[in-house]
């Protein structure tokens, strides 16, 4: 997608008042998004490598969350050969909930039905049905269905 058209869709995704418009705009940018996804206001998804981001069905992403498929070093650091890693795929599996202000870093898979707490910085995979919080994010609880004894 051309840079001007891509920039247009990113602005729409950032500012749109309705979540379905935000989701559609991110799809236009190249993000792979499933059905029934909720996306809060001002969600930032990697603008250079949106095709590296996959969001499965039924995911909820809170306002201000960031999903980054690459690390952006400064021009100086790149010229020195420092801090430049290729983009890595991010997968947010079915039914996960990414709370407000959370940051998902390159190469992370957020497991099915997991919860990423508000403001968490996720640098490692999150197992299915697990709640993670903090910076760096750490598991604090397994998620069980209401009434499960195990």
N, C-alpha and C. Protein backbone atom coordinates (compact mmCIF):
# COMPACT_ATOMS: atom_id res chain seq x y z
N UNK A 1 0.85 -1.17 0.00
CA UNK A 1 0.00 0.00 0.00
C UNK A 1 0.89 1.23 0.00
N UNK A 2 0.53 2.20 -0.80
CA UNK A 2 1.30 3.44 -0.86
C UNK A 2 1.38 4.13 0.48
N UNK A 3 2.43 4.92 0.66
CA UNK A 3 2.63 5.53 1.98
C UNK A 3 1.53 6.53 2.32
N UNK A 4 1.04 7.30 1.34
CA UNK A 4 -0.02 8.26 1.64
C UNK A 4 -1.33 7.55 1.96
N UNK A 5 -1.67 6.52 1.19
CA UNK A 5 -2.90 5.78 1.45
C UNK A 5 -2.81 5.04 2.78
N UNK A 6 -1.66 4.43 3.04
CA UNK A 6 -1.45 3.74 4.32
C UNK A 6 -1.56 4.70 5.49
N UNK A 7 -0.98 5.87 5.35
CA UNK A 7 -1.05 6.89 6.41
C UNK A 7 -2.50 7.30 6.65
N UNK A 8 -3.26 7.47 5.56
CA UNK A 8 -4.68 7.82 5.67
C UNK A 8 -5.43 6.77 6.51
N UNK A 9 -5.24 5.48 6.20
CA UNK A 9 -5.96 4.42 6.92
C UNK A 9 -5.51 4.34 8.38
N UNK A 10 -4.22 4.60 8.65
CA UNK A 10 -3.76 4.59 10.04
C UNK A 10 -4.40 5.72 10.84
N UNK A 11 -4.56 6.89 10.21
CA UNK A 11 -5.21 8.02 10.89
C UNK A 11 -6.67 7.68 11.17
N UNK A 12 -7.35 7.08 10.19
CA UNK A 12 -8.74 6.67 10.40
C UNK A 12 -8.82 5.65 11.54
N UNK A 13 -7.91 4.67 11.53
CA UNK A 13 -7.90 3.64 12.58
C UNK A 13 -7.68 4.27 13.96
N UNK A 14 -6.86 5.28 14.03
CA UNK A 14 -6.52 5.93 15.30
C UNK A 14 -7.68 6.77 15.83
N UNK A 15 -8.38 7.47 14.92
CA UNK A 15 -9.36 8.47 15.34
C UNK A 15 -10.83 8.06 15.21
N UNK A 16 -11.12 6.99 14.52
CA UNK A 16 -12.51 6.63 14.25
C UNK A 16 -13.30 6.46 15.55
N UNK A 17 -14.53 7.00 15.59
CA UNK A 17 -15.31 6.91 16.82
C UNK A 17 -15.97 5.54 17.04
N UNK A 18 -16.04 4.71 16.01
CA UNK A 18 -16.70 3.40 16.14
C UNK A 18 -15.68 2.28 15.96
N UNK A 19 -15.74 1.29 16.84
CA UNK A 19 -14.73 0.23 16.82
C UNK A 19 -14.72 -0.54 15.52
N UNK A 20 -15.87 -0.74 14.89
CA UNK A 20 -15.89 -1.50 13.64
C UNK A 20 -15.14 -0.77 12.54
N UNK A 21 -15.20 0.55 12.55
CA UNK A 21 -14.44 1.34 11.57
C UNK A 21 -12.94 1.22 11.86
N UNK A 22 -12.56 1.24 13.15
CA UNK A 22 -11.15 1.08 13.52
C UNK A 22 -10.61 -0.26 13.04
N UNK A 23 -11.40 -1.32 13.26
CA UNK A 23 -10.99 -2.66 12.83
C UNK A 23 -10.84 -2.70 11.31
N UNK A 24 -11.83 -2.17 10.59
CA UNK A 24 -11.79 -2.18 9.12
C UNK A 24 -10.59 -1.39 8.59
N UNK A 25 -10.27 -0.27 9.22
CA UNK A 25 -9.13 0.53 8.78
C UNK A 25 -7.82 -0.21 9.01
N UNK A 26 -7.69 -0.90 10.15
CA UNK A 26 -6.46 -1.68 10.38
C UNK A 26 -6.35 -2.83 9.37
N UNK A 27 -7.47 -3.42 9.00
CA UNK A 27 -7.45 -4.45 7.96
C UNK A 27 -6.94 -3.87 6.64
N UNK A 28 -7.39 -2.67 6.29
CA UNK A 28 -6.94 -2.00 5.07
C UNK A 28 -5.44 -1.76 5.08
N UNK A 29 -4.88 -1.58 6.27
CA UNK A 29 -3.43 -1.37 6.41
C UNK A 29 -2.65 -2.67 6.27
N UNK A 30 -3.32 -3.82 6.36
CA UNK A 30 -2.63 -5.10 6.19
C UNK A 30 -2.62 -5.99 7.41
N UNK A 31 -3.21 -5.55 8.51
CA UNK A 31 -3.29 -6.38 9.72
C UNK A 31 -4.30 -7.50 9.45
N UNK A 32 -3.94 -8.72 9.81
CA UNK A 32 -4.87 -9.86 9.65
C UNK A 32 -5.75 -9.93 10.90
N UNK A 33 -7.04 -9.64 10.71
CA UNK A 33 -7.97 -9.55 11.83
C UNK A 33 -9.15 -10.47 11.58
N UNK A 34 -9.48 -11.29 12.59
CA UNK A 34 -10.60 -12.22 12.50
C UNK A 34 -11.93 -11.53 12.74
N UNK A 35 -12.92 -12.35 12.98
CA UNK A 35 -14.29 -11.87 13.18
C UNK A 35 -14.56 -11.54 14.64
N UNK A 36 -15.46 -10.58 14.85
CA UNK A 36 -15.90 -10.26 16.20
C UNK A 36 -14.83 -9.62 17.07
N UNK A 37 -13.90 -8.90 16.47
CA UNK A 37 -12.83 -8.25 17.23
C UNK A 37 -13.29 -6.87 17.67
N UNK A 38 -13.06 -6.54 18.95
CA UNK A 38 -13.31 -5.20 19.46
C UNK A 38 -11.97 -4.50 19.59
N UNK A 39 -11.93 -3.25 19.16
CA UNK A 39 -10.69 -2.48 19.24
C UNK A 39 -11.02 -1.10 19.80
N UNK A 40 -10.46 -0.77 20.96
CA UNK A 40 -10.70 0.52 21.59
C UNK A 40 -10.04 1.66 20.82
N UNK A 41 -10.30 2.86 21.27
CA UNK A 41 -9.75 4.05 20.64
C UNK A 41 -8.23 4.11 20.80
N UNK A 42 -7.59 4.68 19.82
CA UNK A 42 -6.15 4.96 19.82
C UNK A 42 -5.27 3.73 20.02
N UNK A 43 -5.72 2.61 19.48
CA UNK A 43 -4.87 1.41 19.46
C UNK A 43 -3.83 1.60 18.36
N UNK A 44 -2.57 1.35 18.68
CA UNK A 44 -1.50 1.51 17.70
C UNK A 44 -0.97 0.13 17.32
N UNK A 45 -1.08 -0.19 16.03
CA UNK A 45 -0.54 -1.44 15.51
C UNK A 45 0.58 -1.08 14.55
N UNK A 46 1.67 -1.80 14.62
CA UNK A 46 2.88 -1.53 13.84
C UNK A 46 2.56 -1.00 12.44
N UNK A 47 3.02 0.21 12.15
CA UNK A 47 2.71 0.83 10.86
C UNK A 47 3.68 0.41 9.76
N UNK A 48 4.86 -0.05 10.12
CA UNK A 48 5.82 -0.48 9.10
C UNK A 48 5.59 -1.92 8.66
N UNK A 49 5.15 -2.78 9.58
CA UNK A 49 4.98 -4.20 9.27
C UNK A 49 3.63 -4.71 9.75
N UNK A 50 2.54 -4.12 9.31
CA UNK A 50 1.22 -4.57 9.79
C UNK A 50 0.90 -6.01 9.41
N UNK A 51 1.49 -6.49 8.33
CA UNK A 51 1.24 -7.86 7.88
C UNK A 51 1.82 -8.90 8.83
N UNK A 52 2.64 -8.49 9.78
CA UNK A 52 3.21 -9.41 10.78
C UNK A 52 2.30 -9.56 12.00
N UNK A 53 1.16 -8.89 12.00
CA UNK A 53 0.25 -8.93 13.14
C UNK A 53 -0.99 -9.72 12.76
N UNK A 54 -1.30 -10.74 13.57
CA UNK A 54 -2.49 -11.57 13.35
C UNK A 54 -3.33 -11.53 14.63
N UNK A 55 -4.58 -11.11 14.47
CA UNK A 55 -5.51 -11.03 15.59
C UNK A 55 -6.68 -11.97 15.26
N UNK A 56 -6.85 -13.01 16.06
CA UNK A 56 -7.87 -14.02 15.77
C UNK A 56 -9.25 -13.57 16.25
N UNK A 57 -10.24 -14.42 16.00
CA UNK A 57 -11.64 -14.13 16.31
C UNK A 57 -11.87 -13.82 17.79
N UNK A 58 -12.79 -12.89 18.04
CA UNK A 58 -13.26 -12.64 19.39
C UNK A 58 -12.29 -11.97 20.33
N UNK A 59 -11.26 -11.35 19.81
CA UNK A 59 -10.27 -10.66 20.66
C UNK A 59 -10.81 -9.29 21.03
N UNK A 60 -10.50 -8.82 22.24
CA UNK A 60 -10.83 -7.47 22.68
C UNK A 60 -9.53 -6.74 23.01
N UNK A 61 -9.37 -5.56 22.42
CA UNK A 61 -8.16 -4.76 22.63
C UNK A 61 -8.60 -3.41 23.19
N UNK A 62 -8.12 -3.09 24.38
CA UNK A 62 -8.51 -1.86 25.06
C UNK A 62 -7.84 -0.63 24.47
N UNK A 63 -8.35 0.54 24.85
CA UNK A 63 -7.83 1.80 24.32
C UNK A 63 -6.36 2.00 24.65
N UNK A 64 -5.64 2.56 23.68
CA UNK A 64 -4.24 2.91 23.90
C UNK A 64 -3.26 1.76 23.88
N UNK A 65 -3.71 0.55 23.56
CA UNK A 65 -2.78 -0.58 23.50
C UNK A 65 -1.85 -0.41 22.29
N UNK A 66 -0.65 -0.98 22.38
CA UNK A 66 0.32 -0.94 21.29
C UNK A 66 0.75 -2.35 20.94
N UNK A 67 0.81 -2.63 19.65
CA UNK A 67 1.23 -3.93 19.17
C UNK A 67 2.35 -3.68 18.15
N UNK A 68 3.57 -4.02 18.52
CA UNK A 68 4.74 -3.66 17.71
C UNK A 68 5.47 -4.91 17.21
N UNK A 69 5.53 -5.08 15.90
CA UNK A 69 6.17 -6.25 15.29
C UNK A 69 7.65 -6.05 15.06
N UNK A 70 8.15 -4.86 15.28
CA UNK A 70 9.59 -4.63 15.12
C UNK A 70 10.07 -3.63 16.16
N UNK A 71 11.36 -3.67 16.43
CA UNK A 71 11.97 -2.70 17.32
C UNK A 71 12.56 -1.59 16.47
N UNK A 72 12.26 -0.37 16.78
CA UNK A 72 12.73 0.74 15.96
C UNK A 72 13.90 1.44 16.61
N UNK A 73 15.08 1.12 16.16
CA UNK A 73 16.27 1.82 16.64
C UNK A 73 16.43 3.12 15.87
N UNK A 74 17.20 4.04 16.43
CA UNK A 74 17.48 5.28 15.71
C UNK A 74 18.39 5.00 14.53
N UNK A 75 18.50 5.96 13.64
CA UNK A 75 19.37 5.81 12.46
C UNK A 75 20.81 5.58 12.92
N UNK A 76 21.25 6.29 13.94
CA UNK A 76 22.61 6.12 14.46
C UNK A 76 22.83 4.69 14.95
N UNK A 77 21.90 4.17 15.74
CA UNK A 77 22.05 2.82 16.28
C UNK A 77 22.06 1.78 15.15
N UNK A 78 21.21 1.98 14.16
CA UNK A 78 21.20 1.03 13.03
C UNK A 78 22.50 1.10 12.27
N UNK A 79 23.05 2.30 12.06
CA UNK A 79 24.31 2.43 11.32
C UNK A 79 25.46 1.78 12.08
N UNK A 80 25.33 1.71 13.41
CA UNK A 80 26.34 1.05 14.24
C UNK A 80 26.10 -0.45 14.34
N UNK A 81 25.01 -0.93 13.74
CA UNK A 81 24.69 -2.36 13.80
C UNK A 81 24.09 -2.77 15.13
N UNK A 82 23.57 -1.82 15.88
CA UNK A 82 22.99 -2.11 17.19
C UNK A 82 21.47 -2.09 17.14
N UNK A 83 20.85 -2.91 17.93
CA UNK A 83 19.41 -2.88 18.16
C UNK A 83 18.57 -3.01 16.90
N UNK A 84 19.08 -3.65 15.88
CA UNK A 84 18.25 -3.83 14.69
C UNK A 84 17.96 -5.30 14.49
N UNK A 85 16.74 -5.67 14.78
CA UNK A 85 16.30 -7.04 14.57
C UNK A 85 15.20 -7.02 13.53
N UNK A 86 15.10 -8.07 12.73
CA UNK A 86 14.03 -8.10 11.73
C UNK A 86 12.67 -8.17 12.43
N UNK A 87 11.61 -7.79 11.72
CA UNK A 87 10.28 -7.89 12.32
C UNK A 87 9.93 -9.34 12.64
N UNK A 88 9.11 -9.53 13.66
CA UNK A 88 8.68 -10.87 14.06
C UNK A 88 7.17 -10.88 14.20
N UNK A 89 6.57 -12.01 13.85
CA UNK A 89 5.11 -12.13 13.89
C UNK A 89 4.58 -12.05 15.32
N UNK A 90 3.45 -11.38 15.45
CA UNK A 90 2.70 -11.33 16.70
C UNK A 90 1.37 -12.00 16.43
N UNK A 91 0.98 -12.92 17.30
CA UNK A 91 -0.32 -13.59 17.17
C UNK A 91 -1.09 -13.38 18.47
N UNK A 92 -2.29 -12.86 18.34
CA UNK A 92 -3.19 -12.75 19.48
C UNK A 92 -4.31 -13.74 19.21
N UNK A 93 -4.31 -14.83 19.97
CA UNK A 93 -5.22 -15.94 19.70
C UNK A 93 -6.65 -15.66 20.17
N UNK A 94 -7.53 -16.49 19.68
CA UNK A 94 -8.98 -16.37 19.87
C UNK A 94 -9.36 -16.06 21.33
N UNK A 95 -10.21 -15.05 21.48
CA UNK A 95 -10.79 -14.75 22.78
C UNK A 95 -9.89 -14.05 23.77
N UNK A 96 -8.69 -13.65 23.37
CA UNK A 96 -7.79 -12.96 24.30
C UNK A 96 -8.30 -11.55 24.56
N UNK A 97 -7.89 -11.00 25.70
CA UNK A 97 -8.25 -9.63 26.06
C UNK A 97 -6.97 -8.89 26.37
N UNK A 98 -6.71 -7.84 25.60
CA UNK A 98 -5.56 -6.97 25.81
C UNK A 98 -6.12 -5.69 26.43
N UNK A 99 -5.83 -5.43 27.69
CA UNK A 99 -6.42 -4.29 28.40
C UNK A 99 -5.76 -2.98 27.99
N UNK A 100 -6.34 -1.89 28.45
CA UNK A 100 -5.90 -0.54 28.09
C UNK A 100 -4.42 -0.32 28.36
N UNK A 101 -3.75 0.28 27.38
CA UNK A 101 -2.36 0.68 27.55
C UNK A 101 -1.33 -0.43 27.54
N UNK A 102 -1.74 -1.65 27.29
CA UNK A 102 -0.78 -2.76 27.25
C UNK A 102 0.10 -2.63 26.00
N UNK A 103 1.31 -3.16 26.09
CA UNK A 103 2.24 -3.15 24.97
C UNK A 103 2.65 -4.59 24.67
N UNK A 104 2.45 -5.00 23.41
CA UNK A 104 2.84 -6.33 22.96
C UNK A 104 4.06 -6.16 22.05
N UNK A 105 5.17 -6.79 22.40
CA UNK A 105 6.42 -6.64 21.67
C UNK A 105 6.60 -7.73 20.60
N UNK A 106 7.58 -7.56 19.70
CA UNK A 106 7.76 -8.49 18.58
C UNK A 106 7.94 -9.95 19.02
N UNK A 107 7.37 -10.84 18.20
CA UNK A 107 7.56 -12.27 18.39
C UNK A 107 6.67 -12.92 19.44
N UNK A 108 5.73 -12.19 19.99
CA UNK A 108 4.90 -12.69 21.08
C UNK A 108 3.62 -13.34 20.55
N UNK A 109 3.24 -14.45 21.18
CA UNK A 109 1.92 -15.04 20.98
C UNK A 109 1.16 -14.94 22.29
N UNK A 110 -0.01 -14.31 22.22
CA UNK A 110 -0.89 -14.24 23.39
C UNK A 110 -1.89 -15.37 23.23
N UNK A 111 -1.85 -16.33 24.13
CA UNK A 111 -2.64 -17.55 24.03
C UNK A 111 -4.14 -17.35 24.09
N UNK A 112 -4.85 -18.34 23.64
CA UNK A 112 -6.32 -18.36 23.59
C UNK A 112 -6.90 -18.04 24.97
N UNK A 113 -7.80 -17.05 24.98
CA UNK A 113 -8.51 -16.71 26.21
C UNK A 113 -7.70 -16.04 27.29
N UNK A 114 -6.48 -15.63 26.99
CA UNK A 114 -5.64 -15.00 28.01
C UNK A 114 -6.02 -13.54 28.23
N UNK A 115 -5.57 -13.00 29.35
CA UNK A 115 -5.80 -11.60 29.68
C UNK A 115 -4.45 -10.94 29.92
N UNK A 116 -4.24 -9.81 29.23
CA UNK A 116 -3.05 -9.00 29.44
C UNK A 116 -3.52 -7.75 30.18
N UNK A 117 -3.06 -7.58 31.41
CA UNK A 117 -3.52 -6.49 32.26
C UNK A 117 -3.16 -5.12 31.73
N UNK A 118 -3.88 -4.11 32.20
CA UNK A 118 -3.66 -2.73 31.79
C UNK A 118 -2.22 -2.32 32.04
N UNK A 119 -1.60 -1.74 31.02
CA UNK A 119 -0.24 -1.24 31.15
C UNK A 119 0.85 -2.29 31.13
N UNK A 120 0.52 -3.55 30.96
CA UNK A 120 1.53 -4.61 30.95
C UNK A 120 2.41 -4.49 29.70
N UNK A 121 3.67 -4.88 29.84
CA UNK A 121 4.60 -4.91 28.72
C UNK A 121 4.96 -6.38 28.49
N UNK A 122 4.47 -6.93 27.38
CA UNK A 122 4.59 -8.37 27.12
C UNK A 122 5.73 -8.61 26.14
N UNK A 123 6.78 -9.26 26.63
CA UNK A 123 7.94 -9.56 25.79
C UNK A 123 8.12 -11.06 25.55
N UNK A 124 7.31 -11.88 26.22
CA UNK A 124 7.36 -13.33 26.03
C UNK A 124 5.96 -13.87 25.82
N UNK A 125 5.88 -15.07 25.25
CA UNK A 125 4.59 -15.68 24.97
C UNK A 125 3.76 -15.81 26.25
N UNK A 126 2.46 -15.65 26.08
CA UNK A 126 1.51 -15.83 27.18
C UNK A 126 0.77 -17.15 26.94
N UNK A 127 0.83 -18.10 27.86
CA UNK A 127 0.12 -19.37 27.67
C UNK A 127 -1.39 -19.16 27.60
N UNK A 128 -2.11 -20.10 27.01
CA UNK A 128 -3.57 -19.99 26.97
C UNK A 128 -4.16 -19.89 28.38
N UNK A 129 -5.26 -19.16 28.48
CA UNK A 129 -6.02 -19.02 29.73
C UNK A 129 -5.15 -18.61 30.92
N UNK A 130 -4.33 -17.60 30.70
CA UNK A 130 -3.44 -17.08 31.73
C UNK A 130 -3.57 -15.57 31.79
N UNK A 131 -3.55 -15.02 33.00
CA UNK A 131 -3.55 -13.57 33.16
C UNK A 131 -2.13 -13.12 33.46
N UNK A 132 -1.66 -12.10 32.72
CA UNK A 132 -0.34 -11.53 32.96
C UNK A 132 -0.49 -10.04 33.26
N UNK A 133 0.38 -9.53 34.13
CA UNK A 133 0.37 -8.12 34.51
C UNK A 133 1.81 -7.65 34.69
N UNK A 134 2.00 -6.34 34.67
CA UNK A 134 3.27 -5.74 35.04
C UNK A 134 4.23 -5.48 33.89
N UNK A 135 5.38 -4.93 34.29
CA UNK A 135 6.46 -4.62 33.35
C UNK A 135 7.77 -5.10 33.96
N UNK A 136 8.33 -6.19 33.43
CA UNK A 136 7.81 -7.03 32.34
C UNK A 136 6.61 -7.86 32.83
N UNK A 137 5.77 -8.23 31.88
CA UNK A 137 4.57 -8.99 32.22
C UNK A 137 4.94 -10.34 32.81
N UNK A 138 4.21 -10.72 33.85
CA UNK A 138 4.42 -12.04 34.47
C UNK A 138 3.05 -12.64 34.77
N UNK A 139 3.01 -13.95 34.73
CA UNK A 139 1.74 -14.65 34.98
C UNK A 139 1.38 -14.52 36.45
N UNK A 140 0.10 -14.19 36.70
CA UNK A 140 -0.36 -14.08 38.08
C UNK A 140 -1.51 -15.04 38.37
N UNK A 141 -2.14 -15.58 37.32
CA UNK A 141 -3.30 -16.42 37.58
C UNK A 141 -3.66 -17.22 36.33
N UNK A 142 -4.08 -18.46 36.57
CA UNK A 142 -4.70 -19.26 35.51
C UNK A 142 -6.18 -18.91 35.50
N UNK A 143 -6.76 -18.85 34.33
CA UNK A 143 -8.17 -18.50 34.21
C UNK A 143 -8.99 -19.77 34.14
N UNK A 144 -10.00 -19.87 35.01
CA UNK A 144 -10.86 -21.05 35.06
C UNK A 144 -12.29 -20.61 34.79
N UNK A 145 -13.07 -21.52 34.24
CA UNK A 145 -14.50 -21.26 34.08
C UNK A 145 -15.14 -21.21 35.45
N UNK A 146 -16.16 -20.40 35.56
CA UNK A 146 -16.89 -20.32 36.80
C UNK A 146 -17.41 -21.70 37.17
N UNK A 147 -17.14 -22.14 38.38
CA UNK A 147 -17.60 -23.44 38.83
C UNK A 147 -16.56 -24.55 38.70
N UNK A 148 -15.43 -24.29 37.95
CA UNK A 148 -14.37 -25.30 37.83
C UNK A 148 -13.67 -25.45 39.17
N UNK A 149 -13.45 -26.68 39.59
CA UNK A 149 -12.77 -26.95 40.85
C UNK A 149 -11.29 -27.22 40.66
N UNK A 150 -10.90 -27.59 39.46
CA UNK A 150 -9.48 -27.96 39.24
C UNK A 150 -8.59 -26.81 38.99
